[in-house]
Amino acid sequence: MKEFFRTTGVVLLALIIAGFLANSAAADMERPFKFKSVGQSTAVNEVCSLFEESGQATHLGKFSASTTACICGADADYVYWCGEGVTTAANGDKLFLYVLGKTSYAGVPAKGTIETTGGTGRFEGAEGLTEYLQVYTAPGIYTNSGSGWASY
């Protein structure tokens, strides 16, 4: 009888550890991520703008986002932007973002990368990388779309 309980205890402990490891592996898995949104940009000063948008995204559902990006460089062809933002999912969980992008002087769409650097709720410790394309449809009004991966 003692042997039965000892064996059962060891098997139960092994199942608990296996379940924990499986959940940890799933949390570290890169998952496809896509989004589409519509937003408005407002100049904060000569070098920074506030970007506020809402849309739909995988893993988030309906979301809203707010990013402040500033000019962090320029060359003969492009103006380079960098900034930080927060995206809020439908359930209130948040993703923290770092954005790098470039816009040509010719006015073609802006494009760049969004790096996920953490979050709250189920996105705590989240990581990810998304390439985006931003197209202005009117002064200060834009559409945004992107795809990449997220891990949380």
Protein backbone atom coordinates (compact mmCIF):
# COMPACT_ATOMS: atom_id res chain seq x y z
CA MET A 1 0.00 0.00 0.00
CA LYS A 2 2.91 2.35 0.85
CA GLU A 3 4.45 1.56 -2.51
CA PHE A 4 1.16 2.44 -4.26
CA PHE A 5 1.01 5.89 -2.64
CA ARG A 6 4.70 6.54 -3.30
CA THR A 7 4.33 5.58 -6.98
CA THR A 8 1.09 7.54 -7.32
CA GLY A 9 2.75 10.59 -5.73
CA VAL A 10 5.71 10.42 -8.10
CA VAL A 11 3.42 10.00 -11.13
CA LEU A 12 1.24 12.92 -9.96
CA LEU A 13 4.31 15.14 -9.47
CA ALA A 14 5.59 14.20 -12.94
CA LEU A 15 2.20 15.09 -14.48
CA ILE A 16 2.16 18.46 -12.70
CA ILE A 17 5.70 19.27 -13.89
CA ALA A 18 4.86 18.16 -17.45
CA GLY A 19 1.76 20.38 -17.45
CA PHE A 20 3.77 23.34 -16.17
CA LEU A 21 6.45 22.83 -18.82
CA ALA A 22 3.81 22.51 -21.56
CA ASN A 23 2.18 25.78 -20.46
CA SER A 24 5.58 27.49 -20.32
CA ALA A 25 6.40 26.28 -23.83
CA ALA A 26 3.04 27.53 -25.11
CA ALA A 27 3.66 30.93 -23.50
CA ASP A 28 6.96 31.24 -25.37
CA MET A 29 5.51 30.17 -28.72
CA GLU A 30 5.57 32.69 -31.55
CA ARG A 31 2.03 33.22 -32.79
CA PRO A 32 1.05 34.95 -36.04
CA PHE A 33 -0.20 38.50 -35.49
CA LYS A 34 -2.12 40.82 -37.84
CA PHE A 35 -3.92 44.12 -37.42
CA LYS A 36 -5.83 46.82 -39.29
CA SER A 37 -6.73 50.22 -37.90
CA VAL A 38 -7.75 53.78 -38.64
CA GLY A 39 -6.19 56.69 -36.80
CA GLN A 40 -5.48 60.35 -36.44
CA SER A 41 -2.13 62.07 -35.96
CA THR A 42 -1.69 65.37 -34.14
CA ALA A 43 1.53 67.38 -33.91
CA VAL A 44 2.78 67.71 -30.33
CA ASN A 45 5.66 70.04 -31.29
CA GLU A 46 8.03 70.52 -34.26
CA VAL A 47 9.48 67.01 -33.99
CA CYS A 48 6.86 64.82 -32.26
CA SER A 49 3.33 63.64 -33.09
CA LEU A 50 0.64 61.77 -31.20
CA PHE A 51 -0.93 58.86 -33.10
CA GLU A 52 -4.29 57.59 -31.81
CA GLU A 53 -6.04 54.72 -33.54
CA SER A 54 -8.50 51.88 -33.17
CA GLY A 55 -9.02 48.68 -35.08
CA GLN A 56 -9.07 44.87 -35.02
CA ALA A 57 -6.15 42.56 -34.31
CA THR A 58 -5.53 38.88 -33.73
CA HIS A 59 -5.15 38.08 -30.00
CA LEU A 60 -6.58 41.53 -29.11
CA GLY A 61 -9.99 41.77 -30.76
CA LYS A 62 -11.10 45.36 -31.00
CA PHE A 63 -8.27 47.59 -29.76
CA SER A 64 -7.25 51.18 -29.23
CA ALA A 65 -3.69 52.48 -29.35
CA SER A 66 -1.83 55.65 -28.49
CA THR A 67 1.76 56.27 -29.61
CA THR A 68 4.00 59.31 -29.38
CA ALA A 69 6.66 59.26 -32.09
CA CYS A 70 9.38 61.82 -32.75
CA ILE A 71 11.75 62.46 -35.61
CA CYS A 72 14.93 60.62 -34.70
CA GLY A 73 16.84 61.15 -37.94
CA ALA A 74 16.70 62.10 -41.59
CA ASP A 75 18.68 61.66 -44.78
CA ALA A 76 18.23 62.73 -48.39
CA ASP A 77 15.33 60.30 -48.95
CA TYR A 78 13.56 59.70 -45.63
CA VAL A 79 12.50 61.10 -42.27
CA TYR A 80 12.94 58.47 -39.54
CA TRP A 81 10.53 58.17 -36.61
CA CYS A 82 10.88 56.44 -33.26
CA GLY A 83 8.52 56.31 -30.32
CA GLU A 84 6.67 54.41 -27.65
CA GLY A 85 3.04 53.46 -27.30
CA VAL A 86 0.39 51.42 -25.56
CA THR A 87 -2.24 49.24 -27.19
CA THR A 88 -5.30 48.29 -25.15
CA ALA A 89 -7.13 45.05 -26.02
CA ALA A 90 -10.89 44.58 -25.90
CA ASN A 91 -10.65 43.14 -22.37
CA GLY A 92 -8.41 45.97 -21.05
CA ASP A 93 -5.09 44.09 -21.17
CA LYS A 94 -2.27 46.23 -22.53
CA LEU A 95 0.72 45.78 -24.84
CA PHE A 96 3.72 48.11 -24.58
CA LEU A 97 5.33 49.01 -27.90
CA TYR A 98 8.45 50.59 -29.40
CA VAL A 99 7.95 51.90 -32.94
CA LEU A 100 10.53 52.60 -35.66
CA GLY A 101 9.46 53.93 -39.02
CA LYS A 102 10.34 56.01 -42.04
CA THR A 103 8.46 58.36 -44.35
CA SER A 104 9.71 59.60 -47.68
CA TYR A 105 9.58 63.26 -48.62
CA ALA A 106 7.53 62.23 -51.68
CA GLY A 107 4.64 61.30 -49.40
CA VAL A 108 4.56 57.57 -50.07
CA PRO A 109 3.23 55.44 -47.21
CA ALA A 110 5.16 55.26 -43.96
CA LYS A 111 6.48 51.85 -43.04
CA GLY A 112 8.45 50.33 -40.24
CA THR A 113 8.44 47.93 -37.33
CA ILE A 114 6.58 47.70 -34.04
CA GLU A 115 8.38 45.84 -31.28
CA THR A 116 6.26 44.50 -28.42
CA THR A 117 8.21 45.03 -25.19
CA GLY A 118 5.79 43.78 -22.52
CA GLY A 119 2.25 44.10 -21.31
CA THR A 120 -0.32 43.59 -18.58
CA GLY A 121 -2.78 40.78 -17.85
CA ARG A 122 -2.38 37.87 -20.22
CA PHE A 123 0.23 39.89 -22.14
CA GLU A 124 2.59 40.24 -19.19
CA GLY A 125 6.10 39.55 -20.50
CA ALA A 126 4.89 39.65 -24.12
CA GLU A 127 7.34 40.01 -26.98
CA GLY A 128 6.76 40.44 -30.68
CA LEU A 129 7.73 42.10 -33.92
CA THR A 130 5.32 43.47 -36.52
CA GLU A 131 5.97 45.19 -39.84
CA TYR A 132 3.46 47.93 -40.58
CA LEU A 133 2.33 50.15 -43.44
CA GLN A 134 0.65 53.49 -42.74
CA VAL A 135 -1.24 55.31 -45.52
CA TYR A 136 -2.63 58.81 -45.12
CA THR A 137 -6.11 59.15 -46.61
CA ALA A 138 -6.56 62.83 -45.65
CA PRO A 139 -4.48 65.35 -43.66
CA GLY A 140 -3.90 63.79 -40.24
CA ILE A 141 -6.07 60.71 -40.99
CA TYR A 142 -4.50 57.35 -41.81
CA THR A 143 -5.05 53.62 -42.15
CA ASN A 144 -2.56 51.22 -40.65
CA SER A 145 -2.04 47.51 -41.28
CA GLY A 146 0.61 45.05 -40.30
CA SER A 147 1.63 41.48 -39.69
CA GLY A 148 4.26 39.72 -37.67
CA TRP A 149 4.40 37.57 -34.56
CA ALA A 150 3.64 37.77 -30.86
CA SER A 151 4.69 35.65 -27.92
CA TYR A 152 2.93 35.78 -24.56
